[in-house]
Amino acid sequence: MASRADGRENAWAHMMAPSIDDLAQIAEDAFARLPEVFARRCGDIAILVVEFPDEQTAEDLELETPFDLLGLYEGIDLASASSFDAPEAPNRIVLFRRALLDYWAEHEETLGDLVTHVLVHEIGHHFGLSDDDMEAIEAAAR
């Protein structure tokens, strides 16, 4: 086991990059901190963490690299939804682990703040919120 000269173990020696499950837990914690009135209106929106966008998504969004996309809202936003629409797949937010970790490594931001920011931004797409609205909700979640 790696030790420092003063007898304290090097805390970084055994650390691993956060896993998909780790990021899913961070996202769940971030969602739990959102203002209750906001979170309630999200309904049954699902949050999924995957490594990268699939090839079809990358092609549809004309991504230069899979690292270009941190998160994605998939579903029908509330402004476009109709009670006459046939049910489709559940609305969901997909977070992309590798892109999030890459961004985190390059910026002065905690991983929790980054995940919260992306989560609120994608929920904002669900509601059709402005960037200012999203920033206010993100600030309340901190």
N, C-alpha and C. Protein backbone atom coordinates (compact mmCIF):
# COMPACT_ATOMS: atom_id res chain seq x y z
N MET A 1 0.85 -1.17 0.00
CA MET A 1 0.00 0.00 0.00
C MET A 1 0.90 1.23 0.00
N ALA A 2 0.59 2.20 -0.88
CA ALA A 2 1.40 3.41 -0.97
C ALA A 2 1.25 4.25 0.29
N SER A 3 2.38 4.68 0.83
CA SER A 3 2.35 5.52 2.03
C SER A 3 3.24 6.72 1.81
N ARG A 4 2.90 7.78 2.49
CA ARG A 4 3.73 8.98 2.48
C ARG A 4 4.76 8.84 3.60
N ALA A 5 5.80 9.64 3.53
CA ALA A 5 6.86 9.59 4.54
C ALA A 5 6.33 9.86 5.94
N ASP A 6 5.26 10.65 6.05
CA ASP A 6 4.72 10.98 7.38
C ASP A 6 3.74 9.91 7.87
N GLY A 7 3.59 8.81 7.12
CA GLY A 7 2.74 7.72 7.57
C GLY A 7 1.29 7.77 7.06
N ARG A 8 0.88 8.89 6.43
CA ARG A 8 -0.48 8.95 5.89
C ARG A 8 -0.53 8.30 4.52
N GLU A 9 -1.55 7.51 4.30
CA GLU A 9 -1.72 6.86 3.00
C GLU A 9 -2.09 7.89 1.95
N ASN A 10 -1.57 7.74 0.76
CA ASN A 10 -1.92 8.60 -0.36
C ASN A 10 -3.35 8.29 -0.80
N ALA A 11 -4.26 9.21 -0.51
CA ALA A 11 -5.69 8.98 -0.78
C ALA A 11 -5.98 8.80 -2.26
N TRP A 12 -5.15 9.34 -3.12
CA TRP A 12 -5.41 9.25 -4.57
C TRP A 12 -4.92 7.93 -5.16
N ALA A 13 -4.11 7.20 -4.45
CA ALA A 13 -3.47 6.02 -5.02
C ALA A 13 -4.44 4.95 -5.49
N HIS A 14 -5.62 4.88 -4.90
CA HIS A 14 -6.55 3.81 -5.24
C HIS A 14 -7.86 4.32 -5.84
N MET A 15 -7.92 5.61 -6.15
CA MET A 15 -9.16 6.18 -6.68
C MET A 15 -9.34 5.81 -8.15
N MET A 16 -10.58 5.59 -8.52
CA MET A 16 -10.96 5.28 -9.90
C MET A 16 -11.88 6.38 -10.39
N ALA A 17 -12.01 6.50 -11.70
CA ALA A 17 -12.96 7.45 -12.28
C ALA A 17 -14.38 7.04 -11.87
N PRO A 18 -15.27 8.01 -11.64
CA PRO A 18 -16.65 7.67 -11.28
C PRO A 18 -17.29 6.78 -12.35
N SER A 19 -17.96 5.75 -11.90
CA SER A 19 -18.62 4.80 -12.80
C SER A 19 -19.97 5.34 -13.25
N ILE A 20 -20.62 4.61 -14.13
CA ILE A 20 -21.98 4.94 -14.55
C ILE A 20 -22.89 4.99 -13.32
N ASP A 21 -22.76 4.01 -12.43
CA ASP A 21 -23.59 3.99 -11.21
C ASP A 21 -23.29 5.19 -10.31
N ASP A 22 -22.01 5.57 -10.22
CA ASP A 22 -21.65 6.75 -9.42
C ASP A 22 -22.33 8.00 -9.97
N LEU A 23 -22.25 8.18 -11.30
CA LEU A 23 -22.88 9.35 -11.91
C LEU A 23 -24.39 9.31 -11.79
N ALA A 24 -24.97 8.13 -11.88
CA ALA A 24 -26.42 8.01 -11.69
C ALA A 24 -26.81 8.44 -10.28
N GLN A 25 -26.00 8.08 -9.29
CA GLN A 25 -26.27 8.49 -7.91
C GLN A 25 -26.12 10.00 -7.75
N ILE A 26 -25.10 10.57 -8.37
CA ILE A 26 -24.92 12.03 -8.32
C ILE A 26 -26.14 12.71 -8.95
N ALA A 27 -26.63 12.19 -10.08
CA ALA A 27 -27.80 12.77 -10.75
C ALA A 27 -29.05 12.63 -9.88
N GLU A 28 -29.23 11.48 -9.24
CA GLU A 28 -30.39 11.30 -8.34
C GLU A 28 -30.32 12.29 -7.18
N ASP A 29 -29.14 12.46 -6.61
CA ASP A 29 -28.96 13.41 -5.52
C ASP A 29 -29.25 14.84 -5.99
N ALA A 30 -28.79 15.18 -7.19
CA ALA A 30 -29.04 16.52 -7.74
C ALA A 30 -30.53 16.73 -7.97
N PHE A 31 -31.20 15.72 -8.49
CA PHE A 31 -32.65 15.81 -8.72
C PHE A 31 -33.39 16.00 -7.39
N ALA A 32 -32.95 15.30 -6.36
CA ALA A 32 -33.59 15.40 -5.04
C ALA A 32 -33.44 16.79 -4.44
N ARG A 33 -32.41 17.53 -4.85
CA ARG A 33 -32.20 18.88 -4.32
C ARG A 33 -32.94 19.96 -5.10
N LEU A 34 -33.58 19.60 -6.21
CA LEU A 34 -34.32 20.59 -6.99
C LEU A 34 -35.52 21.08 -6.18
N PRO A 35 -35.94 22.32 -6.43
CA PRO A 35 -37.15 22.81 -5.75
C PRO A 35 -38.32 21.84 -5.96
N GLU A 36 -39.05 21.57 -4.89
CA GLU A 36 -40.11 20.56 -4.93
C GLU A 36 -41.15 20.83 -6.03
N VAL A 37 -41.57 22.07 -6.18
CA VAL A 37 -42.57 22.39 -7.19
C VAL A 37 -42.05 22.07 -8.60
N PHE A 38 -40.77 22.27 -8.81
CA PHE A 38 -40.15 21.98 -10.10
C PHE A 38 -40.05 20.47 -10.31
N ALA A 39 -39.54 19.76 -9.32
CA ALA A 39 -39.35 18.31 -9.44
C ALA A 39 -40.68 17.59 -9.63
N ARG A 40 -41.72 18.05 -8.92
CA ARG A 40 -43.04 17.43 -9.04
C ARG A 40 -43.57 17.48 -10.47
N ARG A 41 -43.29 18.58 -11.15
CA ARG A 41 -43.79 18.77 -12.52
C ARG A 41 -43.01 17.96 -13.54
N CYS A 42 -41.91 17.36 -13.13
CA CYS A 42 -41.15 16.52 -14.04
C CYS A 42 -41.86 15.19 -14.30
N GLY A 43 -42.78 14.83 -13.42
CA GLY A 43 -43.50 13.58 -13.60
C GLY A 43 -42.57 12.39 -13.50
N ASP A 44 -42.76 11.46 -14.39
CA ASP A 44 -41.99 10.21 -14.36
C ASP A 44 -40.80 10.25 -15.31
N ILE A 45 -40.19 11.39 -15.43
CA ILE A 45 -39.03 11.51 -16.31
C ILE A 45 -37.92 10.60 -15.78
N ALA A 46 -37.35 9.83 -16.67
CA ALA A 46 -36.28 8.90 -16.29
C ALA A 46 -34.93 9.55 -16.51
N ILE A 47 -33.96 9.18 -15.68
CA ILE A 47 -32.59 9.66 -15.83
C ILE A 47 -31.71 8.43 -16.07
N LEU A 48 -30.99 8.45 -17.16
CA LEU A 48 -30.14 7.34 -17.57
C LEU A 48 -28.73 7.86 -17.79
N VAL A 49 -27.73 7.09 -17.39
CA VAL A 49 -26.34 7.44 -17.65
C VAL A 49 -25.76 6.34 -18.54
N VAL A 50 -25.13 6.76 -19.63
CA VAL A 50 -24.45 5.83 -20.54
C VAL A 50 -23.07 6.41 -20.86
N GLU A 51 -22.22 5.62 -21.46
CA GLU A 51 -20.86 6.08 -21.78
C GLU A 51 -20.87 7.20 -22.82
N PHE A 52 -21.49 6.95 -23.99
CA PHE A 52 -21.49 7.88 -25.12
C PHE A 52 -22.85 7.83 -25.81
N PRO A 53 -23.17 8.86 -26.61
CA PRO A 53 -24.37 8.77 -27.44
C PRO A 53 -24.21 7.64 -28.47
N ASP A 54 -25.33 7.04 -28.84
CA ASP A 54 -25.25 5.99 -29.86
C ASP A 54 -24.96 6.62 -31.23
N GLU A 55 -24.64 5.79 -32.20
CA GLU A 55 -24.24 6.29 -33.52
C GLU A 55 -25.34 7.10 -34.18
N GLN A 56 -26.59 6.68 -34.04
CA GLN A 56 -27.71 7.39 -34.67
C GLN A 56 -27.86 8.79 -34.07
N THR A 57 -27.76 8.90 -32.76
CA THR A 57 -27.86 10.20 -32.10
C THR A 57 -26.71 11.10 -32.54
N ALA A 58 -25.50 10.57 -32.57
CA ALA A 58 -24.34 11.35 -33.01
C ALA A 58 -24.52 11.84 -34.44
N GLU A 59 -25.07 11.00 -35.28
CA GLU A 59 -25.31 11.38 -36.67
C GLU A 59 -26.43 12.42 -36.76
N ASP A 60 -27.54 12.19 -36.05
CA ASP A 60 -28.67 13.12 -36.08
C ASP A 60 -28.28 14.51 -35.59
N LEU A 61 -27.42 14.58 -34.58
CA LEU A 61 -27.01 15.86 -34.00
C LEU A 61 -25.73 16.41 -34.64
N GLU A 62 -25.21 15.68 -35.62
CA GLU A 62 -24.02 16.08 -36.35
C GLU A 62 -22.85 16.39 -35.40
N LEU A 63 -22.64 15.49 -34.45
CA LEU A 63 -21.55 15.65 -33.50
C LEU A 63 -20.22 15.40 -34.20
N GLU A 64 -19.24 16.26 -33.89
CA GLU A 64 -17.89 16.01 -34.42
C GLU A 64 -17.26 14.84 -33.70
N THR A 65 -17.45 14.78 -32.37
CA THR A 65 -16.97 13.67 -31.57
C THR A 65 -18.05 13.33 -30.53
N PRO A 66 -18.03 12.14 -29.97
CA PRO A 66 -19.02 11.80 -28.94
C PRO A 66 -18.82 12.60 -27.65
N PHE A 67 -17.69 13.29 -27.52
CA PHE A 67 -17.42 14.12 -26.34
C PHE A 67 -18.13 15.47 -26.41
N ASP A 68 -18.78 15.76 -27.56
CA ASP A 68 -19.46 17.05 -27.75
C ASP A 68 -20.80 17.14 -27.03
N LEU A 69 -21.32 16.05 -26.51
CA LEU A 69 -22.66 16.04 -25.92
C LEU A 69 -22.59 15.53 -24.48
N LEU A 70 -22.95 16.40 -23.54
CA LEU A 70 -22.94 16.03 -22.12
C LEU A 70 -24.24 15.38 -21.68
N GLY A 71 -25.35 15.81 -22.25
CA GLY A 71 -26.66 15.29 -21.88
C GLY A 71 -27.65 15.52 -23.00
N LEU A 72 -28.77 14.81 -22.93
CA LEU A 72 -29.78 14.90 -23.98
C LEU A 72 -31.16 14.61 -23.39
N TYR A 73 -32.12 15.47 -23.72
CA TYR A 73 -33.51 15.20 -23.35
C TYR A 73 -34.14 14.45 -24.50
N GLU A 74 -34.79 13.33 -24.22
CA GLU A 74 -35.50 12.54 -25.22
C GLU A 74 -36.95 12.44 -24.80
N GLY A 75 -37.84 12.90 -25.66
CA GLY A 75 -39.26 12.83 -25.36
C GLY A 75 -40.00 13.99 -25.96
N ILE A 76 -41.23 14.12 -25.57
CA ILE A 76 -42.09 15.20 -26.04
C ILE A 76 -42.14 16.26 -24.95
N ASP A 77 -41.71 17.49 -25.28
CA ASP A 77 -41.74 18.53 -24.26
C ASP A 77 -43.18 18.89 -23.93
N LEU A 78 -43.38 19.44 -22.75
CA LEU A 78 -44.72 19.72 -22.25
C LEU A 78 -45.49 20.69 -23.14
N ALA A 79 -44.79 21.63 -23.78
CA ALA A 79 -45.45 22.59 -24.66
C ALA A 79 -46.00 21.92 -25.91
N SER A 80 -45.40 20.82 -26.33
CA SER A 80 -45.83 20.11 -27.54
C SER A 80 -46.74 18.93 -27.27
N ALA A 81 -46.82 18.51 -26.02
CA ALA A 81 -47.59 17.30 -25.68
C ALA A 81 -49.09 17.56 -25.79
N SER A 82 -49.79 16.52 -26.18
CA SER A 82 -51.24 16.58 -26.28
C SER A 82 -51.83 15.32 -25.66
N SER A 83 -52.98 15.46 -25.05
CA SER A 83 -53.62 14.27 -24.47
C SER A 83 -54.09 13.30 -25.54
N PHE A 84 -54.09 13.74 -26.80
CA PHE A 84 -54.51 12.89 -27.91
C PHE A 84 -53.35 12.11 -28.51
N ASP A 85 -52.13 12.44 -28.08
CA ASP A 85 -50.95 11.74 -28.60
C ASP A 85 -50.93 10.31 -28.09
N ALA A 86 -50.51 9.40 -28.96
CA ALA A 86 -50.32 8.01 -28.55
C ALA A 86 -49.11 7.96 -27.62
N PRO A 87 -49.18 7.16 -26.56
CA PRO A 87 -48.03 7.07 -25.66
C PRO A 87 -46.79 6.57 -26.40
N GLU A 88 -45.69 7.20 -26.14
CA GLU A 88 -44.42 6.77 -26.72
C GLU A 88 -43.52 6.31 -25.58
N ALA A 89 -42.26 6.15 -25.89
CA ALA A 89 -41.31 5.79 -24.83
C ALA A 89 -41.35 6.88 -23.77
N PRO A 90 -41.03 6.55 -22.53
CA PRO A 90 -41.07 7.57 -21.47
C PRO A 90 -40.07 8.69 -21.76
N ASN A 91 -40.44 9.90 -21.31
CA ASN A 91 -39.50 11.02 -21.39
C ASN A 91 -38.30 10.67 -20.53
N ARG A 92 -37.11 11.00 -21.04
CA ARG A 92 -35.92 10.70 -20.27
C ARG A 92 -34.81 11.67 -20.57
N ILE A 93 -33.92 11.75 -19.61
CA ILE A 93 -32.69 12.52 -19.76
C ILE A 93 -31.56 11.51 -19.77
N VAL A 94 -30.71 11.64 -20.77
CA VAL A 94 -29.54 10.77 -20.86
C VAL A 94 -28.31 11.62 -20.59
N LEU A 95 -27.51 11.18 -19.64
CA LEU A 95 -26.24 11.82 -19.33
C LEU A 95 -25.12 10.95 -19.88
N PHE A 96 -24.11 11.59 -20.47
CA PHE A 96 -23.04 10.85 -21.12
C PHE A 96 -21.77 10.91 -20.26
N ARG A 97 -21.48 9.79 -19.63
CA ARG A 97 -20.41 9.70 -18.63
C ARG A 97 -19.07 10.20 -19.13
N ARG A 98 -18.61 9.68 -20.25
CA ARG A 98 -17.25 10.02 -20.71
C ARG A 98 -17.13 11.50 -21.06
N ALA A 99 -18.16 12.07 -21.68
CA ALA A 99 -18.12 13.50 -22.01
C ALA A 99 -18.15 14.35 -20.73
N LEU A 100 -18.95 13.94 -19.76
CA LEU A 100 -19.00 14.67 -18.49
C LEU A 100 -17.65 14.63 -17.78
N LEU A 101 -17.02 13.46 -17.73
CA LEU A 101 -15.73 13.35 -17.07
C LEU A 101 -14.65 14.14 -17.79
N ASP A 102 -14.70 14.15 -19.12
CA ASP A 102 -13.74 14.91 -19.90
C ASP A 102 -13.90 16.41 -19.64
N TYR A 103 -15.14 16.88 -19.64
CA TYR A 103 -15.42 18.29 -19.37
C TYR A 103 -14.96 18.66 -17.96
N TRP A 104 -15.30 17.81 -17.00
CA TRP A 104 -14.94 18.02 -15.60
C TRP A 104 -13.43 18.16 -15.43
N ALA A 105 -12.68 17.31 -16.13
CA ALA A 105 -11.22 17.32 -16.02
C ALA A 105 -10.61 18.61 -16.57
N GLU A 106 -11.32 19.26 -17.48
CA GLU A 106 -10.79 20.44 -18.15
C GLU A 106 -11.27 21.76 -17.56
N HIS A 107 -12.19 21.73 -16.60
CA HIS A 107 -12.77 22.97 -16.07
C HIS A 107 -12.70 23.03 -14.55
N GLU A 108 -12.86 24.21 -14.03
CA GLU A 108 -12.84 24.45 -12.59
C GLU A 108 -14.26 24.35 -12.04
N GLU A 109 -14.79 23.16 -11.97
CA GLU A 109 -16.15 22.94 -11.51
C GLU A 109 -16.20 21.57 -10.84
N THR A 110 -16.98 21.45 -9.78
CA THR A 110 -17.11 20.13 -9.16
C THR A 110 -17.95 19.23 -10.05
N LEU A 111 -17.77 17.95 -9.92
CA LEU A 111 -18.55 17.01 -10.72
C LEU A 111 -20.04 17.12 -10.36
N GLY A 112 -20.35 17.30 -9.08
CA GLY A 112 -21.74 17.46 -8.66
C GLY A 112 -22.39 18.68 -9.29
N ASP A 113 -21.67 19.81 -9.32
CA ASP A 113 -22.21 21.02 -9.95
C ASP A 113 -22.41 20.83 -11.44
N LEU A 114 -21.48 20.15 -12.09
CA LEU A 114 -21.59 19.91 -13.53
C LEU A 114 -22.81 19.03 -13.83
N VAL A 115 -22.97 17.94 -13.11
CA VAL A 115 -24.11 17.05 -13.33
C VAL A 115 -25.41 17.79 -13.07
N THR A 116 -25.46 18.60 -12.00
CA THR A 116 -26.66 19.39 -11.70
C THR A 116 -26.96 20.34 -12.85
N HIS A 117 -25.95 21.02 -13.34
CA HIS A 117 -26.14 21.97 -14.44
C HIS A 117 -26.72 21.27 -15.68
N VAL A 118 -26.14 20.15 -16.07
CA VAL A 118 -26.61 19.44 -17.25
C VAL A 118 -28.02 18.89 -17.02
N LEU A 119 -28.28 18.35 -15.84
CA LEU A 119 -29.60 17.82 -15.51
C LEU A 119 -30.66 18.91 -15.59
N VAL A 120 -30.41 20.07 -14.98
CA VAL A 120 -31.36 21.18 -15.01
C VAL A 120 -31.55 21.68 -16.44
N HIS A 121 -30.48 21.75 -17.18
CA HIS A 121 -30.59 22.19 -18.57
C HIS A 121 -31.49 21.26 -19.38
N GLU A 122 -31.30 19.96 -19.21
CA GLU A 122 -32.11 18.99 -19.97
C GLU A 122 -33.56 18.99 -19.49
N ILE A 123 -33.78 19.14 -18.20
CA ILE A 123 -35.16 19.27 -17.70
C ILE A 123 -35.78 20.54 -18.29
N GLY A 124 -34.97 21.57 -18.42
CA GLY A 124 -35.45 22.81 -19.04
C GLY A 124 -35.99 22.57 -20.43
N HIS A 125 -35.36 21.69 -21.19
CA HIS A 125 -35.88 21.35 -22.51
C HIS A 125 -37.25 20.67 -22.40
N HIS A 126 -37.44 19.90 -21.37
CA HIS A 126 -38.73 19.25 -21.11
C HIS A 126 -39.82 20.29 -20.90
N PHE A 127 -39.49 21.40 -20.22
CA PHE A 127 -40.46 22.44 -19.90
C PHE A 127 -40.48 23.59 -20.90
N GLY A 128 -39.47 23.71 -21.75
CA GLY A 128 -39.37 24.86 -22.64
C GLY A 128 -38.92 26.12 -21.91
N LEU A 129 -38.08 25.97 -20.88
CA LEU A 129 -37.62 27.10 -20.07
C LEU A 129 -36.51 27.88 -20.78
N SER A 130 -36.38 29.15 -20.41
CA SER A 130 -35.30 29.97 -20.91
C SER A 130 -34.02 29.64 -20.15
N ASP A 131 -32.89 30.12 -20.67
CA ASP A 131 -31.62 29.90 -19.98
C ASP A 131 -31.63 30.57 -18.60
N ASP A 132 -32.25 31.77 -18.49
CA ASP A 132 -32.33 32.46 -17.19
C ASP A 132 -33.12 31.64 -16.18
N ASP A 133 -34.23 31.04 -16.62
CA ASP A 133 -35.03 30.19 -15.73
C ASP A 133 -34.19 29.01 -15.24
N MET A 134 -33.45 28.39 -16.16
CA MET A 134 -32.63 27.24 -15.80
C MET A 134 -31.54 27.63 -14.80
N GLU A 135 -30.94 28.80 -14.98
CA GLU A 135 -29.90 29.25 -14.05
C GLU A 135 -30.46 29.47 -12.66
N ALA A 136 -31.69 30.00 -12.55
CA ALA A 136 -32.31 30.24 -11.24
C ALA A 136 -32.59 28.92 -10.53
N ILE A 137 -33.06 27.93 -11.26
CA ILE A 137 -33.37 26.63 -10.67
C ILE A 137 -32.07 25.95 -10.24
N GLU A 138 -31.05 26.05 -11.05
CA GLU A 138 -29.76 25.44 -10.71
C GLU A 138 -29.19 26.08 -9.44
N ALA A 139 -29.32 27.38 -9.33
CA ALA A 139 -28.83 28.08 -8.13
C ALA A 139 -29.58 27.61 -6.89
N ALA A 140 -30.88 27.38 -7.01
CA ALA A 140 -31.68 26.91 -5.88
C ALA A 140 -31.31 25.48 -5.48
N ALA A 141 -30.81 24.69 -6.42
CA ALA A 141 -30.47 23.30 -6.14
C ALA A 141 -29.13 23.16 -5.41
N ARG A 142 -28.30 24.20 -5.43
CA ARG A 142 -26.97 24.13 -4.77
C ARG A 142 -27.08 24.15 -3.28
